[in-house]
Amino acid sequence: MKEPYRISEAELLRVQEVSELANVRYKGDPDFMASLTRGLVVLQAFSPEFFAMSVPQLSQMTGLHRAVVRRCLYTLSALGFVYSPDNRNYHLLPRVLTIGHAYLNSSELARQAQYSLDYLSKQLGESCSVATLDGDNILYIARASMKRIMKIDLGRGSRLPAYATSMGMVLLSELSEEELGSYFSRVKLEPLTEFTITDEQRLRKELKKVKAQGFAINDQQLELGLRSMAVPMYSRKEGVVAAMNVGTHASQMSVADLQEKFLPRLQRAAMELALLI
């Protein structure tokens, strides 16, 4: 028997984040376009793990009625954002990239961060990234990859759960007590590896430590064999606007070595970039 289509709770939360806006925060607002929201919800359902999906699968993931999903896909197909080679499973088309690239190309932070990372990555001989907090996840806006250190291929536009990443911990540590409480009420701390912190109180304690020391170290919480360190990036006007990190193989560098060899350069790069934004 064919295994049933399964969607993790994390994936459901990721997609239904936008849907919640229409059903809760902006419900009854005459200026809020619910139809546009539904189309965006369908687009956001696609991911590297779910790159081809049928109407029933999209309906299950988004919580939208099948007829609504079908109309969204019909419209998105007519506009050139999706297509279905077999009239059953839908795939994204390259035109979708124009939405994300519009931000990356117009964002001064994203442009300057990429220049900075290209230089820093060559200096350190490791992959470096810059990310912002996007909902309950981090969003990569710049990345310079020297070598493949993760199973998944990360690039600009990639999203990862904030609680399990060094950049995410830096950004979460900057949230107010109210914002952090709201975050924990929404997010289920799923164990991605045996080292992932899944206890809220323990994570809160760790975030306070990150805030106090000015950097975060992630020791294989996201993926076994991956060790990373991140620092906050400050804007002269807005405070912390992003985080910068360096990642390495856990077998090649200890936590102590990571802090001793890379922290000063990472902090200097983040400080220099802050002068430009």
Protein backbone atom coordinates (compact mmCIF):
# COMPACT_ATOMS: atom_id res chain seq x y z
CA MET A 1 0.00 0.00 0.00
CA LYS A 2 1.28 3.45 -0.87
CA GLU A 3 2.36 5.49 2.16
CA PRO A 4 -0.06 8.38 2.83
CA TYR A 5 1.06 11.92 2.18
CA ARG A 6 2.43 13.32 5.42
CA ILE A 7 3.08 16.91 6.37
CA SER A 8 5.03 17.82 9.47
CA GLU A 9 3.57 20.20 12.01
CA ALA A 10 6.44 22.60 11.29
CA GLU A 11 5.46 22.76 7.61
CA LEU A 12 1.82 23.36 8.49
CA LEU A 13 2.76 26.21 10.83
CA ARG A 14 5.04 27.74 8.20
CA VAL A 15 2.32 27.90 5.59
CA GLN A 16 -0.58 28.78 7.87
CA GLU A 17 1.37 31.76 9.22
CA VAL A 18 0.06 33.91 6.37
CA SER A 19 -3.39 32.34 6.44
CA GLU A 20 -3.76 33.35 10.09
CA LEU A 21 -3.43 37.00 9.14
CA ALA A 22 -6.57 36.81 7.03
CA ASN A 23 -8.55 34.78 9.56
CA VAL A 24 -7.55 36.62 12.73
CA ARG A 25 -5.66 39.88 12.52
CA TYR A 26 -7.33 41.34 9.43
CA LYS A 27 -10.67 39.57 9.52
CA GLY A 28 -13.41 42.00 8.55
CA ASP A 29 -10.97 44.63 7.25
CA PRO A 30 -12.51 45.89 3.98
CA ASP A 31 -9.09 46.92 2.64
CA PHE A 32 -7.51 43.49 3.18
CA MET A 33 -7.55 41.28 0.04
CA ALA A 34 -8.34 37.76 1.23
CA SER A 35 -8.10 36.40 -2.32
CA LEU A 36 -4.53 37.66 -2.67
CA THR A 37 -3.71 36.10 0.69
CA ARG A 38 -4.98 32.71 -0.45
CA GLY A 39 -2.83 32.87 -3.59
CA LEU A 40 0.26 33.71 -1.54
CA VAL A 41 -0.52 30.90 0.91
CA VAL A 42 -0.60 28.42 -1.98
CA LEU A 43 2.72 29.73 -3.33
CA GLN A 44 4.38 29.46 0.08
CA ALA A 45 3.31 25.84 0.41
CA PHE A 46 6.00 24.82 -2.08
CA SER A 47 9.44 24.05 -0.67
CA PRO A 48 12.47 21.84 -1.44
CA GLU A 49 10.70 18.98 0.36
CA PHE A 50 7.38 19.66 -1.38
CA PHE A 51 8.32 20.84 -4.88
CA ALA A 52 5.48 19.05 -6.69
CA MET A 53 2.01 18.90 -5.19
CA SER A 54 -1.52 18.10 -6.18
CA VAL A 55 -4.68 20.02 -5.32
CA PRO A 56 -5.59 17.63 -2.43
CA GLN A 57 -2.08 17.91 -1.00
CA LEU A 58 -2.07 21.69 -1.20
CA SER A 59 -5.52 21.79 0.36
CA GLN A 60 -4.30 19.65 3.27
CA MET A 61 -1.21 21.79 3.81
CA THR A 62 -2.87 25.20 3.54
CA GLY A 63 -6.20 24.43 5.13
CA LEU A 64 -7.95 25.91 2.09
CA HIS A 65 -10.89 24.21 0.37
CA ARG A 66 -9.91 22.23 -2.74
CA ALA A 67 -12.05 24.43 -4.96
CA VAL A 68 -10.22 27.52 -3.64
CA VAL A 69 -6.82 25.89 -4.21
CA ARG A 70 -7.85 24.92 -7.74
CA ARG A 71 -8.84 28.50 -8.57
CA CYS A 72 -5.59 29.84 -7.11
CA LEU A 73 -3.56 27.39 -9.18
CA TYR A 74 -5.53 28.24 -12.31
CA THR A 75 -4.76 31.93 -11.82
CA LEU A 76 -1.10 31.36 -10.92
CA SER A 77 -0.72 29.11 -13.94
CA ALA A 78 -2.23 31.73 -16.24
CA LEU A 79 0.24 34.29 -14.84
CA GLY A 80 3.20 31.96 -15.38
CA PHE A 81 4.05 31.23 -11.74
CA VAL A 82 3.17 27.49 -11.72
CA TYR A 83 2.58 24.70 -14.21
CA SER A 84 1.33 21.12 -14.24
CA PRO A 85 2.95 18.77 -16.79
CA ASP A 86 0.55 15.92 -15.96
CA ASN A 87 -2.56 17.96 -15.03
CA ARG A 88 -2.23 16.66 -11.49
CA ASN A 89 0.97 17.79 -9.79
CA TYR A 90 1.96 21.45 -9.84
CA HIS A 91 5.48 22.89 -9.89
CA LEU A 92 6.77 26.43 -9.46
CA LEU A 93 8.11 28.25 -12.51
CA PRO A 94 11.17 30.56 -12.54
CA ARG A 95 8.94 33.63 -12.65
CA VAL A 96 8.36 33.15 -8.92
CA LEU A 97 11.97 34.28 -8.41
CA THR A 98 11.09 37.77 -9.59
CA ILE A 99 9.17 38.32 -6.34
CA GLY A 100 12.08 37.50 -4.06
CA HIS A 101 14.70 39.06 -6.33
CA ALA A 102 12.81 42.34 -6.29
CA TYR A 103 13.53 42.56 -2.56
CA LEU A 104 17.11 41.28 -2.77
CA ASN A 105 17.98 43.67 -5.59
CA SER A 106 16.37 46.69 -3.96
CA SER A 107 17.59 46.04 -0.42
CA GLU A 108 20.72 47.98 0.49
CA LEU A 109 21.31 45.54 3.34
CA ALA A 110 21.19 42.50 1.05
CA ARG A 111 23.51 44.05 -1.53
CA GLN A 112 26.12 45.27 0.92
CA ALA A 113 25.94 42.05 2.94
CA GLN A 114 26.79 39.97 -0.12
CA TYR A 115 29.92 42.03 -0.85
CA SER A 116 31.00 41.72 2.77
CA LEU A 117 30.40 37.97 2.91
CA ASP A 118 32.31 37.28 -0.29
CA TYR A 119 35.39 38.89 1.27
CA LEU A 120 34.92 37.39 4.74
CA SER A 121 34.34 33.88 3.43
CA LYS A 122 37.62 33.95 1.50
CA GLN A 123 39.44 35.19 4.60
CA LEU A 124 38.06 32.46 6.85
CA GLY A 125 37.91 29.70 4.27
CA GLU A 126 34.40 28.85 5.44
CA SER A 127 30.82 29.51 4.38
CA CYS A 128 29.27 32.71 5.75
CA SER A 129 25.70 34.02 5.75
CA VAL A 130 23.47 36.94 6.69
CA ALA A 131 19.84 36.43 7.65
CA THR A 132 16.90 38.38 9.00
CA LEU A 133 13.97 37.21 11.10
CA ASP A 134 10.96 36.46 8.90
CA GLY A 135 8.02 35.38 11.00
CA ASP A 136 9.17 32.38 13.03
CA ASN A 137 12.04 31.55 10.69
CA ILE A 138 15.27 33.11 9.53
CA LEU A 139 15.48 34.23 5.92
CA TYR A 140 18.85 34.14 4.17
CA ILE A 141 19.44 37.42 2.32
CA ALA A 142 23.13 36.84 1.52
CA ARG A 143 25.42 33.83 1.49
CA ALA A 144 28.96 33.01 0.39
CA SER A 145 29.56 29.26 0.26
CA MET A 146 33.11 27.93 0.19
CA LYS A 147 32.18 24.26 0.56
CA ARG A 148 29.11 22.11 1.11
CA ILE A 149 28.68 21.55 4.84
CA MET A 150 24.95 20.79 4.99
CA LYS A 151 22.71 18.19 3.42
CA ILE A 152 20.39 20.90 2.15
CA ASP A 153 21.63 23.48 -0.33
CA LEU A 154 21.28 26.91 1.22
CA GLY A 155 21.16 30.16 -0.71
CA ARG A 156 19.53 33.56 -0.73
CA GLY A 157 15.85 33.12 0.04
CA SER A 158 16.30 29.92 2.08
CA ARG A 159 14.40 29.68 5.35
CA LEU A 160 15.24 27.71 8.50
CA PRO A 161 13.63 27.48 11.96
CA ALA A 162 15.01 30.27 14.13
CA TYR A 163 15.29 28.25 17.36
CA ALA A 164 17.71 25.73 15.81
CA THR A 165 20.17 28.14 14.16
CA SER A 166 22.89 30.43 15.47
CA MET A 167 21.56 33.44 13.52
CA GLY A 168 18.05 32.67 14.72
CA MET A 169 19.18 32.61 18.33
CA VAL A 170 20.86 35.99 17.93
CA LEU A 171 17.70 37.48 16.43
CA LEU A 172 15.38 35.84 18.97
CA SER A 173 17.53 37.17 21.81
CA GLU A 174 16.67 40.70 20.64
CA LEU A 175 12.90 40.20 20.95
CA SER A 176 10.96 41.78 23.79
CA GLU A 177 9.48 39.53 26.48
CA GLU A 178 6.06 39.93 24.89
CA GLU A 179 7.33 39.10 21.40
CA LEU A 180 9.24 36.09 22.69
CA GLY A 181 6.18 34.84 24.56
CA SER A 182 4.15 35.09 21.37
CA TYR A 183 6.87 33.20 19.48
CA PHE A 184 6.87 30.30 21.94
CA SER A 185 3.07 30.13 21.87
CA ARG A 186 3.18 29.53 18.11
CA VAL A 187 6.27 27.40 17.58
CA LYS A 188 6.72 23.75 18.46
CA LEU A 189 10.38 23.10 19.32
CA GLU A 190 10.90 19.92 17.33
CA PRO A 191 14.13 17.91 17.78
CA LEU A 192 16.04 18.18 14.50
CA THR A 193 19.03 16.36 16.00
CA GLU A 194 19.82 14.87 19.40
CA PHE A 195 21.39 18.22 20.34
CA THR A 196 18.44 20.46 19.50
CA ILE A 197 17.15 22.47 22.46
CA THR A 198 13.46 21.61 22.71
CA ASP A 199 12.76 22.83 26.25
CA GLU A 200 11.37 26.37 26.32
CA GLN A 201 12.90 27.35 29.65
CA ARG A 202 16.31 26.05 28.65
CA LEU A 203 16.11 27.93 25.36
CA ARG A 204 15.04 31.13 27.12
CA LYS A 205 18.09 30.79 29.38
CA GLU A 206 20.31 30.29 26.36
CA LEU A 207 18.86 33.36 24.63
CA LYS A 208 19.65 35.49 27.68
CA LYS A 209 23.22 34.21 27.52
CA VAL A 210 23.43 35.07 23.82
CA LYS A 211 22.14 38.57 24.48
CA ALA A 212 24.65 39.12 27.29
CA GLN A 213 27.73 37.83 25.46
CA GLY A 214 26.87 39.25 22.03
CA PHE A 215 27.13 36.04 19.99
CA ALA A 216 25.56 32.61 19.62
CA ILE A 217 27.14 29.22 18.98
CA ASN A 218 25.07 26.43 17.51
CA ASP A 219 26.63 23.04 18.11
CA GLN A 220 24.91 20.53 15.81
CA GLN A 221 21.37 21.57 16.80
CA LEU A 222 20.25 21.97 13.21
CA GLU A 223 22.21 19.19 11.57
CA LEU A 224 24.73 16.66 12.84
CA GLY A 225 28.27 17.68 11.94
CA LEU A 226 27.40 21.36 11.53
CA ARG A 227 28.79 23.92 13.97
CA SER A 228 28.19 27.64 13.52
CA MET A 229 28.59 30.98 15.25
CA ALA A 230 26.61 34.18 14.70
CA VAL A 231 26.77 37.82 15.78
CA PRO A 232 24.17 40.61 15.57
CA MET A 233 24.28 43.28 12.88
CA TYR A 234 23.28 46.76 14.01
CA SER A 235 21.78 49.57 11.98
CA ARG A 236 22.45 53.13 13.03
CA LYS A 237 18.71 53.81 13.00
CA GLU A 238 16.94 50.52 13.75
CA GLY A 239 19.09 48.53 16.19
CA VAL A 240 19.68 44.88 15.30
CA VAL A 241 18.42 44.28 11.76
CA ALA A 242 20.12 40.99 10.89
CA ALA A 243 22.65 38.39 12.01
CA MET A 244 25.90 37.23 10.40
CA ASN A 245 27.34 33.76 10.82
CA VAL A 246 30.11 31.38 9.84
CA GLY A 247 29.60 27.63 9.62
CA THR A 248 32.09 24.79 9.73
CA HIS A 249 32.34 21.03 10.11
CA ALA A 250 32.20 19.99 13.76
CA SER A 251 34.98 17.46 13.14
CA GLN A 252 37.34 20.18 11.95
CA MET A 253 36.89 22.84 14.62
CA SER A 254 35.91 22.78 18.27
CA VAL A 255 33.59 25.30 19.89
CA ALA A 256 36.56 26.91 21.62
CA ASP A 257 38.52 27.20 18.36
CA LEU A 258 35.50 28.62 16.58
CA GLN A 259 35.21 31.35 19.17
CA GLU A 260 38.93 32.10 19.32
CA LYS A 261 39.69 32.10 15.59
CA PHE A 262 36.52 33.44 14.00
CA LEU A 263 34.66 35.60 16.52
CA PRO A 264 36.87 38.75 16.23
CA ARG A 265 36.74 38.71 12.41
CA LEU A 266 33.02 38.03 12.38
CA GLN A 267 32.34 40.89 14.78
CA ARG A 268 34.55 43.25 12.79
CA ALA A 269 32.80 42.36 9.52
CA ALA A 270 29.38 42.92 11.09
CA MET A 271 30.50 46.26 12.53
CA GLU A 272 31.96 47.45 9.20
CA LEU A 273 28.81 46.44 7.36
CA ALA A 274 26.70 48.33 9.90
CA LEU A 275 28.45 51.53 8.87
CA LEU A 276 27.06 51.13 5.35
CA ILE A 277 23.38 50.55 6.18
